């Protein structure tokens, strides 16, 4: 299938030609897969838990309006403020306005894919507000001036040598490739940020509707520093991340950590309900929850609604042979990998639909998904929806002609005889092996043998067969 974007093809070629990248990705993703297999093997009734997790997501998305309204009421009842952002621009404008009103000059951020999605860092920095990523992987990526290449581990493509060079350049760290020394350098650089920042921004893994509680899952303590030390905590949450009850959240936490990193429970699982109360010793003075739609709601009730079940564990990336070959940056989007190939165009007014073609449709992503999203089916749906826009005119014309002729057996048989004769003549000169134009892209990586006699129809007729 043709993919029209030269930039997309160039990124794929670059990924395929980078043996160091592929080695790093395959080593890391294989480690995650081994840990995941062991973690689920140790979980009693693991398949039943996955079935329950899927049922929770399906039920929640089917009644999303009710649970979002309940969640917002509970957040406000506990002293927080809720802002409904229909677009990425509205979300950025609200946070920027809040920062300006409070005189914020430094923001400490915990990991948030939604903030990447809406371009929040760029919006704040354009207004002269310094933003510092405090998750170690995000911090590395920020220093490198790159986007995350994985949903869970944004710097998965970096080797320790790469990180060492970045820290030497930006942090003044002495040359070393010892991981404890590098983490100590990052810790030292971030410590003052935690103390000085007047606003902390985090993502939200789940929002519990019955109490308005925010669930944050991290493997570093930075998330708790960001959400409790600054006087203002801004929580960015995609509207699909709500869950009805604490019991539902517990089920989803069982499969999230195991699918993401192979842990029974992530190192830091935090539950935040409202800002600091009068008699509490710590916590933010203000809590602002920004509920981000940004295109999500328009897919409710459609065949692509199932993509909203995603809990952002990254397991599909770890299992995907295409992702392991080209890396996250080849996708050119915030959300890479199999689920990203669906979510990206859903959130971008159709942009990025060509990503649906960067898949072998092998089904590994669906098999490993903790909530059993039928990712290959959704990718095929995108291909169906976008085929007319993405295919070049010559290919659309060829498919139209094929559809017309294939309805008439006699015409099809006659065309087949002509085509066989033509292909045999062309094949003698090697034209089929090194075909010009669009055919060259096909023959460069595939064998296209010269047709041999007898043709199937000739063989069938010689054995007394007839046309049905």
Protein backbone atom coordinates (compact mmCIF):
# COMPACT_ATOMS: atom_id res chain seq x y z
CA UNK A 1 0.00 0.00 0.00
CA UNK A 2 1.35 3.43 -0.91
CA UNK A 3 2.16 6.00 1.74
CA UNK A 4 2.40 9.48 0.27
CA UNK A 5 4.36 11.46 2.84
CA UNK A 6 8.05 11.76 1.93
CA UNK A 7 8.83 12.82 5.51
CA UNK A 8 7.19 9.66 6.84
CA UNK A 9 9.16 7.47 4.47
CA UNK A 10 12.38 9.28 5.36
CA UNK A 11 11.83 8.73 9.10
CA UNK A 12 11.15 5.04 8.54
CA UNK A 13 14.29 4.63 6.43
CA UNK A 14 16.35 6.40 9.08
CA UNK A 15 15.02 4.07 11.78
CA UNK A 16 15.62 0.98 9.68
CA UNK A 17 19.21 2.02 8.99
CA UNK A 18 20.09 2.66 12.66
CA UNK A 19 21.43 -0.64 14.01
CA UNK A 20 22.35 0.95 17.37
CA UNK A 21 18.77 2.15 17.84
CA UNK A 22 17.34 -1.26 17.02
CA UNK A 23 19.71 -2.99 19.42
CA UNK A 24 18.74 -0.62 22.25
CA UNK A 25 15.02 -1.00 21.54
CA UNK A 26 15.07 -4.78 21.24
CA UNK A 27 17.10 -5.18 24.42
CA UNK A 28 14.79 -2.92 26.43
CA UNK A 29 11.48 -4.18 25.04
CA UNK A 30 12.52 -7.81 25.43
CA UNK A 31 13.36 -7.16 29.07
CA UNK A 32 9.89 -5.64 29.57
CA UNK A 33 8.23 -8.61 27.88
CA UNK A 34 10.06 -11.14 30.07
CA UNK A 35 9.13 -9.22 33.22
CA UNK A 36 5.52 -8.92 32.05
CA UNK A 37 5.20 -12.65 31.39
CA UNK A 38 6.49 -13.47 34.87
CA UNK A 39 4.28 -10.85 36.53
CA UNK A 40 1.11 -12.16 34.89
CA UNK A 41 2.14 -15.77 35.58
CA UNK A 42 2.24 -14.85 39.27
CA UNK A 43 -1.19 -13.17 39.16
CA UNK A 44 -4.03 -15.52 40.17
CA UNK A 45 -6.73 -15.74 37.51
CA UNK A 46 -4.76 -13.37 35.28
CA UNK A 47 -6.97 -13.84 32.22
CA UNK A 48 -10.11 -13.25 34.26
CA UNK A 49 -8.56 -10.06 35.64
CA UNK A 50 -7.85 -8.89 32.10
CA UNK A 51 -11.44 -9.66 31.11
CA UNK A 52 -12.66 -7.65 34.10
CA UNK A 53 -10.35 -4.75 33.21
CA UNK A 54 -11.73 -4.68 29.68
CA UNK A 55 -15.30 -4.77 30.97
CA UNK A 56 -14.56 -1.80 33.26
CA UNK A 57 -13.16 0.24 30.39
CA UNK A 58 -16.02 -0.68 28.06
CA UNK A 59 -18.64 0.21 30.67
CA UNK A 60 -16.93 3.49 31.57
CA UNK A 61 -16.57 4.69 27.98
CA UNK A 62 -20.19 3.73 27.27
CA UNK A 63 -21.30 5.97 30.18
CA UNK A 64 -18.50 8.51 30.03
CA UNK A 65 -20.68 11.59 30.45
CA UNK A 66 -22.18 10.34 33.70
CA UNK A 67 -18.86 9.39 35.29
CA UNK A 68 -17.12 12.58 34.19
CA UNK A 69 -19.83 14.70 35.74
CA UNK A 70 -19.64 12.70 38.97
CA UNK A 71 -15.86 13.00 39.01
CA UNK A 72 -15.96 16.78 38.48
CA UNK A 73 -18.54 17.22 41.26
CA UNK A 74 -16.42 15.25 43.70
CA UNK A 75 -13.22 17.13 42.82
CA UNK A 76 -14.98 20.43 43.51
CA UNK A 77 -16.65 19.10 46.65
CA UNK A 78 -13.18 18.37 48.03
CA UNK A 79 -11.92 21.86 47.25
CA UNK A 80 -10.44 21.44 43.77
CA UNK A 81 -11.31 23.31 40.60
CA UNK A 82 -12.21 21.67 37.29
CA UNK A 83 -11.71 23.16 33.85
CA UNK A 84 -13.23 21.48 30.81
CA UNK A 85 -10.89 21.95 27.83
CA UNK A 86 -12.51 21.12 24.50
CA UNK A 87 -9.24 21.68 22.61
CA UNK A 88 -5.51 21.65 23.22
CA UNK A 89 -5.47 25.44 22.86
CA UNK A 90 -8.11 25.89 25.56
CA UNK A 91 -6.11 23.69 27.96
CA UNK A 92 -2.89 25.63 27.32
CA UNK A 93 -4.63 28.98 27.61
CA UNK A 94 -6.18 28.08 30.95
CA UNK A 95 -2.89 26.91 32.48
CA UNK A 96 -0.99 29.87 31.04
CA UNK A 97 -3.61 32.28 32.38
CA UNK A 98 -3.40 30.65 35.80
CA UNK A 99 0.40 30.89 35.79
CA UNK A 100 0.31 34.56 34.83
CA UNK A 101 -2.33 35.37 37.44
CA UNK A 102 -0.23 33.75 40.18
CA UNK A 103 3.07 35.24 38.98
CA UNK A 104 4.63 31.86 38.18
CA UNK A 105 8.13 31.89 36.68
CA UNK A 106 9.16 28.24 37.28
CA UNK A 107 7.08 25.10 36.75
CA UNK A 108 8.07 21.59 37.89
CA UNK A 109 6.50 18.86 35.78
CA UNK A 110 5.93 15.21 36.38
CA UNK A 111 5.55 12.92 33.36
CA UNK A 112 2.42 13.66 31.35
CA UNK A 113 1.69 12.42 27.84
CA UNK A 114 -1.31 14.76 27.64
CA UNK A 115 0.98 17.74 28.19
CA UNK A 116 3.06 16.52 25.24
CA UNK A 117 -0.11 16.09 23.21
CA UNK A 118 -1.30 19.67 23.74
CA UNK A 119 2.16 21.28 23.44
CA UNK A 120 2.04 22.74 26.94
CA UNK A 121 5.78 23.17 27.48
CA UNK A 122 6.16 25.23 24.32
CA UNK A 123 3.19 27.42 25.26
CA UNK A 124 4.57 28.17 28.73
CA UNK A 125 8.13 28.73 27.54
CA UNK A 126 6.92 31.11 24.82
CA UNK A 127 5.45 33.20 27.64
CA UNK A 128 8.80 33.29 29.45
CA UNK A 129 7.94 30.62 32.03
CA UNK A 130 10.65 28.04 32.69
CA UNK A 131 9.44 24.44 32.63
CA UNK A 132 11.53 21.59 34.02
CA UNK A 133 10.70 17.92 33.48
CA UNK A 134 11.48 16.01 36.68
CA UNK A 135 10.90 12.43 35.52
CA UNK A 136 14.42 11.19 34.73
CA UNK A 137 13.54 9.94 31.26
CA UNK A 138 11.64 13.13 30.40
CA UNK A 139 14.48 15.21 31.87
CA UNK A 140 16.95 13.46 29.55
CA UNK A 141 14.69 14.01 26.55
CA UNK A 142 14.20 17.67 27.46
CA UNK A 143 17.96 18.20 27.61
CA UNK A 144 18.30 16.47 24.23
CA UNK A 145 15.57 18.63 22.70
CA UNK A 146 13.60 15.57 21.59
CA UNK A 147 10.14 14.10 21.97
CA UNK A 148 9.56 10.93 24.00
CA UNK A 149 10.01 7.78 21.93
CA UNK A 150 7.96 5.47 24.19
CA UNK A 151 4.78 5.99 26.21
CA UNK A 152 6.26 4.64 29.45
CA UNK A 153 10.02 5.02 29.03
CA UNK A 154 10.56 8.19 26.97
CA UNK A 155 14.35 7.75 26.73
CA UNK A 156 14.24 4.05 25.85
CA UNK A 157 16.33 4.73 22.73
CA UNK A 158 19.19 6.35 24.67
CA UNK A 159 22.30 4.47 25.74
CA UNK A 160 24.17 5.34 28.91
CA UNK A 161 26.90 6.89 26.75
CA UNK A 162 24.34 9.24 25.22
CA UNK A 163 23.03 10.26 28.64
CA UNK A 164 26.55 10.80 29.93
CA UNK A 165 27.34 13.20 27.10
CA UNK A 166 24.12 15.14 27.72
CA UNK A 167 24.83 15.48 31.45
CA UNK A 168 28.42 16.54 30.82
CA UNK A 169 27.21 19.24 28.43
CA UNK A 170 24.21 20.56 30.38
CA UNK A 171 24.94 19.72 34.02
CA UNK A 172 28.72 19.97 34.12
CA UNK A 173 29.00 16.36 35.26
CA UNK A 174 32.52 14.83 35.10
CA UNK A 175 32.91 12.18 32.37
CA UNK A 176 31.44 8.87 33.53
CA UNK A 177 29.10 6.16 32.32
CA UNK A 178 28.26 4.90 35.81
CA UNK A 179 24.49 4.98 36.25
CA UNK A 180 24.54 5.89 40.01
CA UNK A 181 26.79 8.86 39.25
CA UNK A 182 24.50 10.05 36.47
CA UNK A 183 21.33 9.72 38.54
CA UNK A 184 23.04 11.60 41.35
CA UNK A 185 23.86 14.43 38.95
CA UNK A 186 20.23 14.60 37.82
CA UNK A 187 19.00 14.49 41.41
CA UNK A 188 21.28 17.36 42.35
CA UNK A 189 20.07 19.46 39.43
CA UNK A 190 16.39 18.82 40.15
CA UNK A 191 16.43 19.25 43.93
CA UNK A 192 16.36 23.05 43.82
CA UNK A 193 13.64 22.98 41.17
CA UNK A 194 11.34 21.12 43.55
CA UNK A 195 11.99 23.72 46.26
CA UNK A 196 11.65 26.81 44.06
CA UNK A 197 8.77 25.92 41.73
CA UNK A 198 5.49 27.63 42.60
CA UNK A 199 3.46 25.42 40.27
CA UNK A 200 3.59 21.66 39.76
CA UNK A 201 2.01 19.99 36.74
CA UNK A 202 1.28 16.27 36.53
CA UNK A 203 -0.65 13.82 34.45
CA UNK A 204 -3.37 11.53 35.78
CA UNK A 205 -3.43 7.78 35.26
CA UNK A 206 -6.97 7.38 36.56
CA UNK A 207 -9.59 9.69 38.04
CA UNK A 208 -11.93 7.90 40.46
CA UNK A 209 -15.47 9.21 39.94
CA UNK A 210 -16.94 8.23 43.30
CA UNK A 211 -14.52 10.39 45.31
CA UNK A 212 -12.81 12.72 42.82
CA UNK A 213 -9.47 11.08 43.61
CA UNK A 214 -6.49 11.38 41.25
CA UNK A 215 -4.38 8.24 40.80
CA UNK A 216 -0.76 8.85 39.77
CA UNK A 217 1.58 5.99 38.92
CA UNK A 218 5.33 6.62 38.75
CA UNK A 219 8.56 4.75 39.41
CA UNK A 220 10.28 7.78 40.88
CA UNK A 221 9.48 10.01 43.82
CA UNK A 222 9.40 13.08 41.60
CA UNK A 223 5.65 12.77 41.10
CA UNK A 224 5.00 13.25 44.80
CA UNK A 225 7.40 16.19 44.99
CA UNK A 226 5.64 17.90 42.07
CA UNK A 227 2.13 17.36 43.46
CA UNK A 228 2.78 18.28 47.11
CA UNK A 229 5.60 20.85 47.39
CA UNK A 230 4.44 23.66 45.05
CA UNK A 231 1.46 25.69 46.30
CA UNK A 232 -0.41 25.05 43.02
CA UNK A 233 -0.97 21.61 41.52
CA UNK A 234 -2.34 21.39 37.97
CA UNK A 235 -3.43 17.89 36.93
CA UNK A 236 -3.91 17.19 33.21
CA UNK A 237 -6.32 14.36 32.49
CA UNK A 238 -7.70 13.00 29.24
CA UNK A 239 -11.45 12.62 29.63
CA UNK A 240 -11.27 8.86 28.94
CA UNK A 241 -9.10 8.20 32.02
CA UNK A 242 -11.99 8.28 34.50
CA UNK A 243 -13.00 5.07 36.35
CA UNK A 244 -16.22 4.61 38.33
CA UNK A 245 -15.01 3.25 41.70
CA UNK A 246 -11.98 2.48 43.85
CA UNK A 247 -12.54 -1.21 43.19
CA UNK A 248 -12.38 -0.58 39.45
CA UNK A 249 -9.18 1.43 39.88
CA UNK A 250 -7.65 -1.45 41.84
CA UNK A 251 -8.35 -3.89 39.00
CA UNK A 252 -6.82 -1.56 36.43
CA UNK A 253 -3.77 -0.97 38.61
CA UNK A 254 -3.20 -4.73 38.72
CA UNK A 255 -2.84 -4.92 34.94
CA UNK A 256 -1.23 -1.50 34.37
CA UNK A 257 2.00 -2.06 36.30
CA UNK A 258 2.37 -5.65 35.12
CA UNK A 259 1.84 -4.68 31.48
CA UNK A 260 4.08 -1.62 31.59
CA UNK A 261 7.16 -2.71 33.52
CA UNK A 262 6.43 -6.19 34.84
CA UNK A 263 5.91 -4.99 38.43
CA UNK A 264 3.14 -6.21 40.68
CA UNK A 265 2.73 -2.61 41.82
CA UNK A 266 4.54 0.48 40.60
CA UNK A 267 7.00 1.92 43.11
CA UNK A 268 5.01 5.11 43.69
CA UNK A 269 1.24 4.81 43.42
CA UNK A 270 -0.32 8.00 44.76
CA UNK A 271 -3.94 8.85 45.54
CA UNK A 272 -4.72 12.57 45.76
CA UNK A 273 -8.13 13.88 46.80
CA UNK A 274 -8.39 17.66 46.74
CA UNK A 275 -5.88 20.28 47.90
CA UNK A 276 -4.45 20.53 51.39
CA UNK A 277 -7.00 20.78 54.20
CA UNK A 278 -6.62 23.42 56.96
CA UNK A 279 -5.06 21.02 59.48
CA UNK A 280 -2.89 19.03 57.05
CA UNK A 281 0.89 19.67 57.17
CA UNK A 282 1.61 19.42 53.43
CA UNK A 283 0.05 19.43 50.01
CA UNK A 284 -0.87 22.17 47.53
CA UNK A 285 -3.01 25.14 48.43
CA UNK A 286 -4.79 24.91 45.08
CA UNK A 287 -5.71 21.94 42.89
CA UNK A 288 -6.76 22.52 39.29
CA UNK A 289 -7.89 19.52 37.25
CA UNK A 290 -7.91 20.19 33.50
CA UNK A 291 -10.11 17.66 31.68
CA UNK A 292 -8.86 17.47 28.09
CA UNK A 293 -11.14 16.38 25.25
CA UNK A 294 -9.10 17.43 22.20
CA UNK A 295 -11.03 15.23 19.80
CA UNK A 296 -11.77 12.26 22.04
CA UNK A 297 -15.52 12.75 22.39
CA UNK A 298 -16.24 12.79 18.66
CA UNK A 299 -15.27 9.11 18.46
CA UNK A 300 -17.72 7.97 21.12
CA UNK A 301 -20.28 5.58 19.64
CA UNK A 302 -18.15 4.94 16.54
CA UNK A 303 -16.28 1.77 15.50
CA UNK A 304 -13.06 3.42 16.74
CA UNK A 305 -14.38 4.04 20.25
CA UNK A 306 -12.51 1.00 21.53
CA UNK A 307 -9.21 2.88 21.24
CA UNK A 308 -10.36 4.98 24.20
CA UNK A 309 -10.09 1.88 26.41
CA UNK A 310 -6.29 2.31 26.34
CA UNK A 311 -4.64 2.74 29.77
CA UNK A 312 -1.28 3.86 28.28
CA UNK A 313 0.78 0.93 29.54
CA UNK A 314 3.02 0.76 26.46
CA UNK A 315 2.84 -3.04 26.25
CA UNK A 316 1.85 -2.95 22.58
CA UNK A 317 5.03 -1.02 21.75
CA UNK A 318 7.14 -3.63 23.51
CA UNK A 319 5.58 -6.44 21.47
CA UNK A 320 5.47 -4.67 18.10
CA UNK A 321 8.15 -5.77 15.57
CA UNK A 322 7.65 -2.57 13.58
CA UNK A 323 8.21 -0.32 16.59
CA UNK A 324 11.33 -2.29 17.52
CA UNK A 325 12.70 -1.75 14.00
CA UNK A 326 12.00 1.97 13.50
CA UNK A 327 11.67 3.44 17.02
CA UNK A 328 9.17 5.95 18.35
CA UNK A 329 10.48 9.02 16.57
CA UNK A 330 9.80 7.49 13.14
CA UNK A 331 6.09 7.88 13.82
CA UNK A 332 6.46 11.66 14.09
CA UNK A 333 3.78 11.79 16.78
CA UNK A 334 3.42 12.06 20.55
CA UNK A 335 1.87 8.58 20.79
CA UNK A 336 4.00 6.06 18.86
CA UNK A 337 3.56 2.36 18.24
CA UNK A 338 0.41 0.39 17.44
CA UNK A 339 -1.99 2.28 19.73
CA UNK A 340 -0.40 5.57 18.71
CA UNK A 341 -1.15 4.78 15.07
CA UNK A 342 -4.83 4.85 16.03
CA UNK A 343 -4.91 7.54 18.72
CA UNK A 344 -2.82 10.08 16.80
CA UNK A 345 -5.25 10.59 13.90
CA UNK A 346 -8.19 10.41 16.32
CA UNK A 347 -6.82 13.45 18.14
CA UNK A 348 -5.50 15.32 15.13
CA UNK A 349 -8.34 16.04 12.70
CA UNK A 350 -7.19 13.17 10.47
CA UNK A 351 -3.49 14.07 10.52
CA UNK A 352 -1.27 11.06 10.95
CA UNK A 353 -3.66 8.56 9.38
CA UNK A 354 -0.77 7.24 7.30
CA UNK A 355 0.56 5.68 10.53
CA UNK A 356 -2.02 2.91 10.14
CA UNK A 357 0.12 1.54 7.32
CA UNK A 358 3.19 1.18 9.58
CA UNK A 359 1.99 -2.17 10.86
CA UNK A 360 2.40 -5.81 9.91
CA UNK A 361 -1.02 -6.62 11.44
CA UNK A 362 0.61 -9.60 13.16
CA UNK A 363 -1.70 -9.28 16.18
CA UNK A 364 1.01 -9.24 18.87
CA UNK A 365 -0.31 -5.90 20.13
CA UNK A 366 -3.82 -7.24 20.71
CA UNK A 367 -2.51 -10.39 22.35
CA UNK A 368 -0.46 -8.43 24.90
CA UNK A 369 -2.92 -5.56 25.52
CA UNK A 370 -4.17 -5.79 29.14
CA UNK A 371 -7.68 -4.67 28.11
CA UNK A 372 -7.66 -6.67 24.87
CA UNK A 373 -8.10 -3.76 22.44
CA UNK A 374 -8.51 -5.13 18.91
CA UNK A 375 -5.71 -2.92 17.59
CA UNK A 376 -5.27 -4.70 14.21
CA UNK A 377 -8.99 -4.32 13.47
CA UNK A 378 -8.84 -0.61 14.30
CA UNK A 379 -5.78 -0.15 12.09
CA UNK A 380 -7.64 -1.79 9.21
CA UNK A 381 -10.58 0.56 9.81
CA UNK A 382 -8.25 3.54 9.53
CA UNK A 383 -6.87 2.12 6.30
CA UNK A 384 -10.39 1.76 4.94
CA UNK A 385 -11.29 5.29 5.94
CA UNK A 386 -8.13 6.86 4.55
CA UNK A 387 -7.45 4.75 1.46
CA UNK A 388 -9.09 7.19 -0.91
CA UNK A 389 -7.12 10.14 0.48
CA UNK A 390 -3.73 8.47 0.79
CA UNK A 391 -3.57 6.43 -2.41
CA UNK A 392 -2.10 8.22 -5.44
CA UNK A 393 -4.42 8.87 -8.38
CA UNK A 394 -2.90 6.13 -10.57
CA UNK A 395 -3.47 3.52 -7.88
CA UNK A 396 -7.06 4.62 -7.26
CA UNK A 397 -7.72 4.41 -11.00
CA UNK A 398 -6.18 0.93 -11.17
CA UNK A 399 -8.33 -0.33 -8.29
CA UNK A 400 -11.45 1.19 -9.85
CA UNK A 401 -10.71 -0.56 -13.14
CA UNK A 402 -10.02 -3.84 -11.35
CA UNK A 403 -13.34 -3.64 -9.48
CA UNK A 404 -15.23 -3.07 -12.73
CA UNK A 405 -13.56 -5.84 -14.77
CA UNK A 406 -13.56 -8.44 -11.97
CA UNK A 407 -17.38 -8.43 -12.04
CA UNK A 408 -17.38 -9.88 -15.57
CA UNK A 409 -15.74 -13.36 -15.84
CA UNK A 410 -15.38 -13.35 -19.62
CA UNK A 411 -13.72 -9.93 -19.68
CA UNK A 412 -11.51 -10.95 -16.76
CA UNK A 413 -10.38 -14.12 -18.57
CA UNK A 414 -9.61 -12.17 -21.76
CA UNK A 415 -7.64 -9.53 -19.84
CA UNK A 416 -5.76 -12.31 -18.05
CA UNK A 417 -4.61 -13.84 -21.32
CA UNK A 418 -3.40 -10.45 -22.60
CA UNK A 419 -1.63 -9.68 -19.32
CA UNK A 420 0.11 -13.09 -19.27
CA UNK A 421 1.40 -12.59 -22.81
CA UNK A 422 2.61 -9.08 -22.02
CA UNK A 423 4.32 -10.12 -18.78
CA UNK A 424 6.14 -12.99 -20.48
CA UNK A 425 7.45 -10.64 -23.16
CA UNK A 426 8.55 -8.02 -20.62
CA UNK A 427 10.08 -10.61 -18.34
CA UNK A 428 12.58 -11.77 -20.95
CA UNK A 429 14.31 -8.37 -20.84
CA UNK A 430 14.46 -8.24 -17.05
CA UNK A 431 11.91 -5.42 -16.91
CA UNK A 432 9.92 -7.15 -14.18
CA UNK A 433 13.00 -7.42 -11.97
CA UNK A 434 13.84 -3.70 -12.20
CA UNK A 435 10.55 -2.12 -13.15
CA UNK A 436 10.38 1.65 -13.61
CA UNK A 437 8.30 4.13 -11.64
CA UNK A 438 6.07 2.81 -8.84
CA UNK A 439 6.88 -0.79 -9.78
CA UNK A 440 10.53 -0.30 -8.78
CA UNK A 441 9.56 0.19 -5.12
CA UNK A 442 7.79 -3.18 -5.24
CA UNK A 443 10.43 -5.18 -7.13
CA UNK A 444 13.31 -3.78 -5.04
CA UNK A 445 12.27 -5.97 -2.11
CA UNK A 446 10.10 -8.66 -3.71
CA UNK A 447 10.48 -11.30 -6.39
CA UNK A 448 8.06 -10.92 -9.29
CA UNK A 449 8.60 -14.08 -11.38
CA UNK A 450 7.72 -14.28 -15.05
CA UNK A 451 4.39 -16.17 -15.54
CA UNK A 452 4.86 -19.78 -16.65
CA UNK A 453 2.68 -22.03 -18.76
CA UNK A 454 0.21 -23.45 -18.40
CA UNK A 455 -1.87 -20.76 -16.73
CA UNK A 456 -4.35 -21.98 -14.15
CA UNK A 457 -7.31 -21.51 -16.48
CA UNK A 458 -5.52 -23.48 -19.21
CA UNK A 459 -4.71 -26.26 -16.76
CA UNK A 460 -8.26 -26.29 -15.42
CA UNK A 461 -9.81 -26.49 -18.88
CA UNK A 462 -7.43 -29.29 -19.91
CA UNK A 463 -8.73 -31.36 -17.00
CA UNK A 464 -12.35 -30.89 -18.06
CA UNK A 465 -13.15 -28.06 -15.74
CA UNK A 466 -15.63 -25.36 -16.62
CA UNK A 467 -16.39 -21.77 -15.67
CA UNK A 468 -18.82 -21.70 -12.70
